[in-house]
Amino acid sequence: MSPTNDLIIALPRGALFEPTLDRLDRLGVDTSEVRANDRKLVFEELGIITMRPSDVPTYVEAGAADVGITGKDVLLEQASPAAGEARRDVYELVDLGYGRCTMVLATAGGPDPALAALRRLGIVRVATKYPRIAASHFEETGRQAEIIEVKGSVELAPLTGLVEAIVDLSATGRTLGEHQLVVREEIARCTARLIANPVAHKLKARAIDDLVERLRAD
């Protein structure tokens, strides 16, 4: 049996990529080929495919991968469906502990402009790359919010007067501080998670359970 238990594993490119490869190395998987090929996406002999973190649940749900690793922020965003959309059908198996960051609500320093907008207008404008998480948070806390999705630097939005607040991931708070933004609320703590396809979880239960035990013991 191979170090990956003959499973197909979807791995996230980006910030989680190196620590994920380090974790697999400790399990006996030689990831040197993956590290040496920035453009290659499929490593058949290793049973590894690589992609954007947000695509991992899609491939796992569809059965193109048996298991995958992605951030909790991705799972939260995709588990909060928009109208008419279904949530991702994957099992979350293990909190891997790395890639630690926090989803926060932040505004400019000083008197809270978001609170002032709510008191004055009954609604607050919020910029985010995570529109479903943001909308769910405000709905759950009984506040009205206009959610504005942005793709680039979300910190720019309150600086230009586009919004009163942002919802974003923060690892150290440094970027927020550099833009004179402060955390007003913590929404969720996020780390890397191992997820599985429900059918594979049944048909390949022994292999997946073994992988889970080894990851937990690492």
C-alpha atoms as a PDB file:
ATOM      1  CA  MET A   1       0.000   0.000   0.000  1.00  0.00           C
ATOM      2  CA  SER A   2       1.266   3.478  -0.889  1.00  0.00           C
ATOM      3  CA  PRO A   3       1.882   6.178   1.742  1.00  0.00           C
ATOM      4  CA  THR A   4      -1.430   7.780   0.683  1.00  0.00           C
ATOM      5  CA  ASN A   5      -3.305   4.473   1.108  1.00  0.00           C
ATOM      6  CA  ASP A   6      -4.125   4.490  -2.621  1.00  0.00           C
ATOM      7  CA  LEU A   7      -6.387   7.478  -2.046  1.00  0.00           C
ATOM      8  CA  ILE A   8      -6.681  10.440  -4.396  1.00  0.00           C
ATOM      9  CA  ILE A   9      -5.977  13.572  -2.359  1.00  0.00           C
ATOM     10  CA  ALA A  10      -6.826  17.127  -3.402  1.00  0.00           C
ATOM     11  CA  LEU A  11      -4.308  19.633  -2.058  1.00  0.00           C
ATOM     12  CA  PRO A  12      -4.683  23.421  -1.824  1.00  0.00           C
ATOM     13  CA  ARG A  13      -2.261  25.727  -3.596  1.00  0.00           C
ATOM     14  CA  GLY A  14      -1.455  29.025  -1.895  1.00  0.00           C
ATOM     15  CA  ALA A  15      -0.748  29.682   1.784  1.00  0.00           C
ATOM     16  CA  LEU A  16      -1.699  26.154   2.897  1.00  0.00           C
ATOM     17  CA  PHE A  17       0.398  24.411   0.250  1.00  0.00           C
ATOM     18  CA  GLU A  18       3.817  24.207   1.958  1.00  0.00           C
ATOM     19  CA  PRO A  19       2.538  23.225   5.437  1.00  0.00           C
ATOM     20  CA  THR A  20       0.304  20.603   3.804  1.00  0.00           C
ATOM     21  CA  LEU A  21       3.254  19.106   1.949  1.00  0.00           C
ATOM     22  CA  ASP A  22       5.283  19.188   5.181  1.00  0.00           C
ATOM     23  CA  ARG A  23       2.496  17.246   6.902  1.00  0.00           C
ATOM     24  CA  LEU A  24       2.432  14.628   4.141  1.00  0.00           C
ATOM     25  CA  ASP A  25       6.225  14.303   4.285  1.00  0.00           C
ATOM     26  CA  ARG A  26       5.930  13.377   7.957  1.00  0.00           C
ATOM     27  CA  LEU A  27       3.480  10.632   6.977  1.00  0.00           C
ATOM     28  CA  GLY A  28       6.044   9.144   4.609  1.00  0.00           C
ATOM     29  CA  VAL A  29       4.864  10.710   1.348  1.00  0.00           C
ATOM     30  CA  ASP A  30       7.769  11.978  -0.769  1.00  0.00           C
ATOM     31  CA  THR A  31       6.460  15.342  -1.962  1.00  0.00           C
ATOM     32  CA  SER A  32       9.692  16.455  -3.651  1.00  0.00           C
ATOM     33  CA  GLU A  33       8.159  16.035  -7.122  1.00  0.00           C
ATOM     34  CA  VAL A  34       5.205  18.203  -6.131  1.00  0.00           C
ATOM     35  CA  ARG A  35       7.489  20.896  -4.726  1.00  0.00           C
ATOM     36  CA  ALA A  36       9.642  20.866  -7.862  1.00  0.00           C
ATOM     37  CA  ASN A  37       6.758  21.329 -10.300  1.00  0.00           C
ATOM     38  CA  ASP A  38       4.944  24.613  -9.746  1.00  0.00           C
ATOM     39  CA  ARG A  39       2.820  24.284 -12.881  1.00  0.00           C
ATOM     40  CA  LYS A  40       1.988  20.576 -12.766  1.00  0.00           C
ATOM     41  CA  LEU A  41      -1.416  19.851 -11.239  1.00  0.00           C
ATOM     42  CA  VAL A  42      -1.777  16.043 -11.326  1.00  0.00           C
ATOM     43  CA  PHE A  43       0.711  13.628  -9.746  1.00  0.00           C
ATOM     44  CA  GLU A  44      -0.740  10.219 -10.580  1.00  0.00           C
ATOM     45  CA  GLU A  45       1.894   8.066  -8.897  1.00  0.00           C
ATOM     46  CA  LEU A  46       1.385   9.921  -5.620  1.00  0.00           C
ATOM     47  CA  GLY A  47      -2.392  10.114  -5.899  1.00  0.00           C
ATOM     48  CA  ILE A  48      -2.199  13.916  -5.550  1.00  0.00           C
ATOM     49  CA  ILE A  49      -4.007  16.659  -7.441  1.00  0.00           C
ATOM     50  CA  THR A  50      -3.476  20.340  -6.668  1.00  0.00           C
ATOM     51  CA  MET A  51      -5.821  23.315  -7.072  1.00  0.00           C
ATOM     52  CA  ARG A  52      -7.125  26.526  -5.528  1.00  0.00           C
ATOM     53  CA  PRO A  53      -8.368  25.982  -1.958  1.00  0.00           C
ATOM     54  CA  SER A  54     -11.887  27.038  -2.937  1.00  0.00           C
ATOM     55  CA  ASP A  55     -12.010  24.257  -5.566  1.00  0.00           C
ATOM     56  CA  VAL A  56     -11.066  21.428  -3.189  1.00  0.00           C
ATOM     57  CA  PRO A  57     -14.628  20.817  -1.887  1.00  0.00           C
ATOM     58  CA  THR A  58     -15.948  20.786  -5.472  1.00  0.00           C
ATOM     59  CA  TYR A  59     -13.547  18.038  -6.547  1.00  0.00           C
ATOM     60  CA  VAL A  60     -14.081  16.034  -3.356  1.00  0.00           C
ATOM     61  CA  GLU A  61     -17.873  16.318  -3.555  1.00  0.00           C
ATOM     62  CA  ALA A  62     -17.850  15.178  -7.190  1.00  0.00           C
ATOM     63  CA  GLY A  63     -15.632  12.173  -6.392  1.00  0.00           C
ATOM     64  CA  ALA A  64     -12.692  13.376  -8.483  1.00  0.00           C
ATOM     65  CA  ALA A  65     -10.753  13.133  -5.208  1.00  0.00           C
ATOM     66  CA  ASP A  66     -11.467  10.837  -2.271  1.00  0.00           C
ATOM     67  CA  VAL A  67     -10.252  13.310   0.330  1.00  0.00           C
ATOM     68  CA  GLY A  68      -8.924  16.846   0.337  1.00  0.00           C
ATOM     69  CA  ILE A  69      -7.435  19.567   2.481  1.00  0.00           C
ATOM     70  CA  THR A  70      -8.724  23.126   2.555  1.00  0.00           C
ATOM     71  CA  GLY A  71      -9.322  25.972   4.990  1.00  0.00           C
ATOM     72  CA  LYS A  72     -12.288  26.178   7.324  1.00  0.00           C
ATOM     73  CA  ASP A  73     -13.057  29.570   5.771  1.00  0.00           C
ATOM     74  CA  VAL A  74     -13.716  27.826   2.442  1.00  0.00           C
ATOM     75  CA  LEU A  75     -15.986  25.279   4.110  1.00  0.00           C
ATOM     76  CA  LEU A  76     -17.913  27.959   5.979  1.00  0.00           C
ATOM     77  CA  GLU A  77     -18.412  30.022   2.830  1.00  0.00           C
ATOM     78  CA  GLN A  78     -19.583  27.035   0.799  1.00  0.00           C
ATOM     79  CA  ALA A  79     -21.768  25.718   3.630  1.00  0.00           C
ATOM     80  CA  SER A  80     -23.758  28.963   3.611  1.00  0.00           C
ATOM     81  CA  PRO A  81     -25.638  28.557   0.322  1.00  0.00           C
ATOM     82  CA  ALA A  82     -27.073  31.388  -1.686  1.00  0.00           C
ATOM     83  CA  ALA A  83     -30.750  31.222  -2.580  1.00  0.00           C
ATOM     84  CA  GLY A  84     -31.466  28.146  -4.658  1.00  0.00           C
ATOM     85  CA  GLU A  85     -28.025  26.601  -4.138  1.00  0.00           C
ATOM     86  CA  ALA A  86     -27.197  23.460  -2.196  1.00  0.00           C
ATOM     87  CA  ARG A  87     -24.405  23.294   0.349  1.00  0.00           C
ATOM     88  CA  ARG A  88     -21.351  21.156  -0.379  1.00  0.00           C
ATOM     89  CA  ASP A  89     -21.894  17.486   0.454  1.00  0.00           C
ATOM     90  CA  VAL A  90     -18.569  16.557   2.048  1.00  0.00           C
ATOM     91  CA  TYR A  91     -17.540  15.181   5.432  1.00  0.00           C
ATOM     92  CA  GLU A  92     -15.215  17.262   7.598  1.00  0.00           C
ATOM     93  CA  LEU A  93     -12.961  14.740   9.340  1.00  0.00           C
ATOM     94  CA  VAL A  94      -9.938  16.369  11.005  1.00  0.00           C
ATOM     95  CA  ASP A  95      -8.893  19.800  12.225  1.00  0.00           C
ATOM     96  CA  LEU A  96      -5.254  19.778  11.093  1.00  0.00           C
ATOM     97  CA  GLY A  97      -4.336  22.756  13.252  1.00  0.00           C
ATOM     98  CA  TYR A  98      -2.157  24.714  10.843  1.00  0.00           C
ATOM     99  CA  GLY A  99      -3.022  27.736   8.695  1.00  0.00           C
ATOM    100  CA  ARG A 100      -4.534  29.340  11.782  1.00  0.00           C
ATOM    101  CA  CYS A 101      -6.375  32.613  11.219  1.00  0.00           C
ATOM    102  CA  THR A 102      -9.569  34.359  12.288  1.00  0.00           C
ATOM    103  CA  MET A 103     -12.537  35.616  10.311  1.00  0.00           C
ATOM    104  CA  VAL A 104     -13.197  39.097  11.678  1.00  0.00           C
ATOM    105  CA  LEU A 105     -15.406  42.129  11.336  1.00  0.00           C
ATOM    106  CA  ALA A 106     -13.190  45.212  11.174  1.00  0.00           C
ATOM    107  CA  THR A 107     -13.690  48.953  10.796  1.00  0.00           C
ATOM    108  CA  ALA A 108     -11.645  52.133  10.920  1.00  0.00           C
ATOM    109  CA  GLY A 109     -10.263  52.972  14.350  1.00  0.00           C
ATOM    110  CA  GLY A 110     -11.911  55.403  16.736  1.00  0.00           C
ATOM    111  CA  PRO A 111     -15.687  55.533  17.153  1.00  0.00           C
ATOM    112  CA  ASP A 112     -17.168  52.499  15.392  1.00  0.00           C
ATOM    113  CA  PRO A 113     -18.525  53.661  11.998  1.00  0.00           C
ATOM    114  CA  ALA A 114     -20.483  50.430  11.547  1.00  0.00           C
ATOM    115  CA  LEU A 115     -22.316  50.967  14.827  1.00  0.00           C
ATOM    116  CA  ALA A 116     -22.963  54.580  13.900  1.00  0.00           C
ATOM    117  CA  ALA A 117     -24.426  53.542  10.526  1.00  0.00           C
ATOM    118  CA  LEU A 118     -26.706  51.010  12.167  1.00  0.00           C
ATOM    119  CA  ARG A 119     -27.967  53.593  14.649  1.00  0.00           C
ATOM    120  CA  ARG A 120     -28.427  56.293  12.011  1.00  0.00           C
ATOM    121  CA  LEU A 121     -29.666  54.285   9.014  1.00  0.00           C
ATOM    122  CA  GLY A 122     -30.524  50.859  10.379  1.00  0.00           C
ATOM    123  CA  ILE A 123     -28.119  49.225   7.914  1.00  0.00           C
ATOM    124  CA  VAL A 124     -24.347  48.926   7.495  1.00  0.00           C
ATOM    125  CA  ARG A 125     -22.335  48.470   4.289  1.00  0.00           C
ATOM    126  CA  VAL A 126     -19.825  45.617   4.461  1.00  0.00           C
ATOM    127  CA  ALA A 127     -17.123  44.692   1.922  1.00  0.00           C
ATOM    128  CA  THR A 128     -15.818  41.124   1.843  1.00  0.00           C
ATOM    129  CA  LYS A 129     -14.451  38.236  -0.178  1.00  0.00           C
ATOM    130  CA  TYR A 130     -16.755  36.005   1.872  1.00  0.00           C
ATOM    131  CA  PRO A 131     -20.278  37.295   1.135  1.00  0.00           C
ATOM    132  CA  ARG A 132     -22.120  34.254   2.479  1.00  0.00           C
ATOM    133  CA  ILE A 133     -20.237  34.184   5.762  1.00  0.00           C
ATOM    134  CA  ALA A 134     -20.769  37.923   6.196  1.00  0.00           C
ATOM    135  CA  ALA A 135     -24.473  37.762   5.351  1.00  0.00           C
ATOM    136  CA  SER A 136     -24.986  34.801   7.685  1.00  0.00           C
ATOM    137  CA  HIS A 137     -23.176  36.554  10.542  1.00  0.00           C
ATOM    138  CA  PHE A 138     -25.288  39.684  10.308  1.00  0.00           C
ATOM    139  CA  GLU A 139     -28.486  37.678   9.904  1.00  0.00           C
ATOM    140  CA  GLU A 140     -27.676  35.568  12.966  1.00  0.00           C
ATOM    141  CA  THR A 141     -26.971  38.704  15.024  1.00  0.00           C
ATOM    142  CA  GLY A 142     -30.156  40.434  13.884  1.00  0.00           C
ATOM    143  CA  ARG A 143     -28.567  43.328  12.005  1.00  0.00           C
ATOM    144  CA  GLN A 144     -29.202  44.626   8.511  1.00  0.00           C
ATOM    145  CA  ALA A 145     -26.204  44.710   6.178  1.00  0.00           C
ATOM    146  CA  GLU A 146     -25.581  45.494   2.542  1.00  0.00           C
ATOM    147  CA  ILE A 147     -22.894  43.008   1.505  1.00  0.00           C
ATOM    148  CA  ILE A 148     -20.532  44.185  -1.237  1.00  0.00           C
ATOM    149  CA  GLU A 149     -18.307  41.452  -2.677  1.00  0.00           C
ATOM    150  CA  VAL A 150     -14.792  42.521  -3.660  1.00  0.00           C
ATOM    151  CA  LYS A 151     -12.020  40.488  -5.268  1.00  0.00           C
ATOM    152  CA  GLY A 152      -8.944  42.575  -4.456  1.00  0.00           C
ATOM    153  CA  SER A 153      -7.665  44.221  -1.290  1.00  0.00           C
ATOM    154  CA  VAL A 154     -10.721  44.454   0.908  1.00  0.00           C
ATOM    155  CA  GLU A 155      -8.943  46.951   3.196  1.00  0.00           C
ATOM    156  CA  LEU A 156      -9.328  49.593   0.494  1.00  0.00           C
ATOM    157  CA  ALA A 157     -13.118  49.661   0.769  1.00  0.00           C
ATOM    158  CA  PRO A 158     -13.489  51.489   4.123  1.00  0.00           C
ATOM    159  CA  LEU A 159     -10.577  53.802   3.339  1.00  0.00           C
ATOM    160  CA  THR A 160     -12.412  55.161   0.285  1.00  0.00           C
ATOM    161  CA  GLY A 161     -15.808  55.423   1.960  1.00  0.00           C
ATOM    162  CA  LEU A 162     -17.300  52.542  -0.025  1.00  0.00           C
ATOM    163  CA  VAL A 163     -18.314  50.758   3.199  1.00  0.00           C
ATOM    164  CA  GLU A 164     -18.294  51.172   6.961  1.00  0.00           C
ATOM    165  CA  ALA A 165     -16.901  47.691   7.696  1.00  0.00           C
ATOM    166  CA  ILE A 166     -15.185  44.652   6.235  1.00  0.00           C
ATOM    167  CA  VAL A 167     -15.320  40.924   6.913  1.00  0.00           C
ATOM    168  CA  ASP A 168     -12.014  39.217   6.200  1.00  0.00           C
ATOM    169  CA  LEU A 169      -9.462  36.668   7.359  1.00  0.00           C
ATOM    170  CA  SER A 170      -6.701  37.897   9.643  1.00  0.00           C
ATOM    171  CA  ALA A 171      -3.682  35.887  10.724  1.00  0.00           C
ATOM    172  CA  THR A 172      -1.654  38.439  12.679  1.00  0.00           C
ATOM    173  CA  GLY A 173      -3.689  41.643  12.388  1.00  0.00           C
ATOM    174  CA  ARG A 174      -0.697  43.356  10.772  1.00  0.00           C
ATOM    175  CA  THR A 175      -2.415  44.181   7.483  1.00  0.00           C
ATOM    176  CA  LEU A 176      -5.424  45.606   9.293  1.00  0.00           C
ATOM    177  CA  GLY A 177      -3.169  47.736  11.469  1.00  0.00           C
ATOM    178  CA  GLU A 178      -1.252  49.041   8.458  1.00  0.00           C
ATOM    179  CA  HIS A 179      -4.540  50.375   7.107  1.00  0.00           C
ATOM    180  CA  GLN A 180      -5.688  51.833  10.462  1.00  0.00           C
ATOM    181  CA  LEU A 181      -8.397  49.193  10.816  1.00  0.00           C
ATOM    182  CA  VAL A 182      -9.330  47.493  14.077  1.00  0.00           C
ATOM    183  CA  VAL A 183     -11.115  44.230  14.840  1.00  0.00           C
ATOM    184  CA  ARG A 184     -14.596  44.774  16.237  1.00  0.00           C
ATOM    185  CA  GLU A 185     -15.828  41.163  16.290  1.00  0.00           C
ATOM    186  CA  GLU A 186     -14.413  37.669  15.817  1.00  0.00           C
ATOM    187  CA  ILE A 187     -16.671  35.544  13.634  1.00  0.00           C
ATOM    188  CA  ALA A 188     -14.817  32.220  13.391  1.00  0.00           C
ATOM    189  CA  ARG A 189     -11.437  30.604  14.025  1.00  0.00           C
ATOM    190  CA  CYS A 190     -10.148  28.930  10.855  1.00  0.00           C
ATOM    191  CA  THR A 191      -7.538  26.220  10.273  1.00  0.00           C
ATOM    192  CA  ALA A 192      -6.821  23.599   7.612  1.00  0.00           C
ATOM    193  CA  ARG A 193      -9.304  20.713   7.564  1.00  0.00           C
ATOM    194  CA  LEU A 194      -9.340  17.214   6.045  1.00  0.00           C
ATOM    195  CA  ILE A 195     -12.563  16.529   4.162  1.00  0.00           C
ATOM    196  CA  ALA A 196     -13.862  13.384   2.444  1.00  0.00           C
ATOM    197  CA  ASN A 197     -16.292  12.377  -0.251  1.00  0.00           C
ATOM    198  CA  PRO A 198     -19.265  10.616   1.453  1.00  0.00           C
ATOM    199  CA  VAL A 199     -19.222   7.643  -0.928  1.00  0.00           C
ATOM    200  CA  ALA A 200     -15.448   7.226  -0.679  1.00  0.00           C
ATOM    201  CA  HIS A 201     -15.803   7.450   3.103  1.00  0.00           C
ATOM    202  CA  LYS A 202     -17.855   4.255   2.944  1.00  0.00           C
ATOM    203  CA  LEU A 203     -16.130   2.373   0.135  1.00  0.00           C
ATOM    204  CA  LYS A 204     -12.600   3.263   1.253  1.00  0.00           C
ATOM    205  CA  ALA A 205     -13.333   3.463   4.973  1.00  0.00           C
ATOM    206  CA  ARG A 206     -10.248   1.527   6.076  1.00  0.00           C
ATOM    207  CA  ALA A 207      -7.850   3.654   4.041  1.00  0.00           C
ATOM    208  CA  ILE A 208      -9.458   6.929   5.092  1.00  0.00           C
ATOM    209  CA  ASP A 209      -9.679   5.910   8.745  1.00  0.00           C
ATOM    210  CA  ASP A 210      -5.998   4.998   8.678  1.00  0.00           C
ATOM    211  CA  LEU A 211      -5.110   8.369   7.174  1.00  0.00           C
ATOM    212  CA  VAL A 212      -7.194  10.138   9.813  1.00  0.00           C
ATOM    213  CA  GLU A 213      -5.463   8.242  12.633  1.00  0.00           C
ATOM    214  CA  ARG A 214      -2.014   9.021  11.254  1.00  0.00           C
ATOM    215  CA  LEU A 215      -2.839  12.700  10.850  1.00  0.00           C
ATOM    216  CA  ARG A 216      -4.203  12.909  14.385  1.00  0.00           C
ATOM    217  CA  ALA A 217      -1.122  11.167  15.763  1.00  0.00           C
ATOM    218  CA  ASP A 218       1.297  13.426  13.896  1.00  0.00           C
END
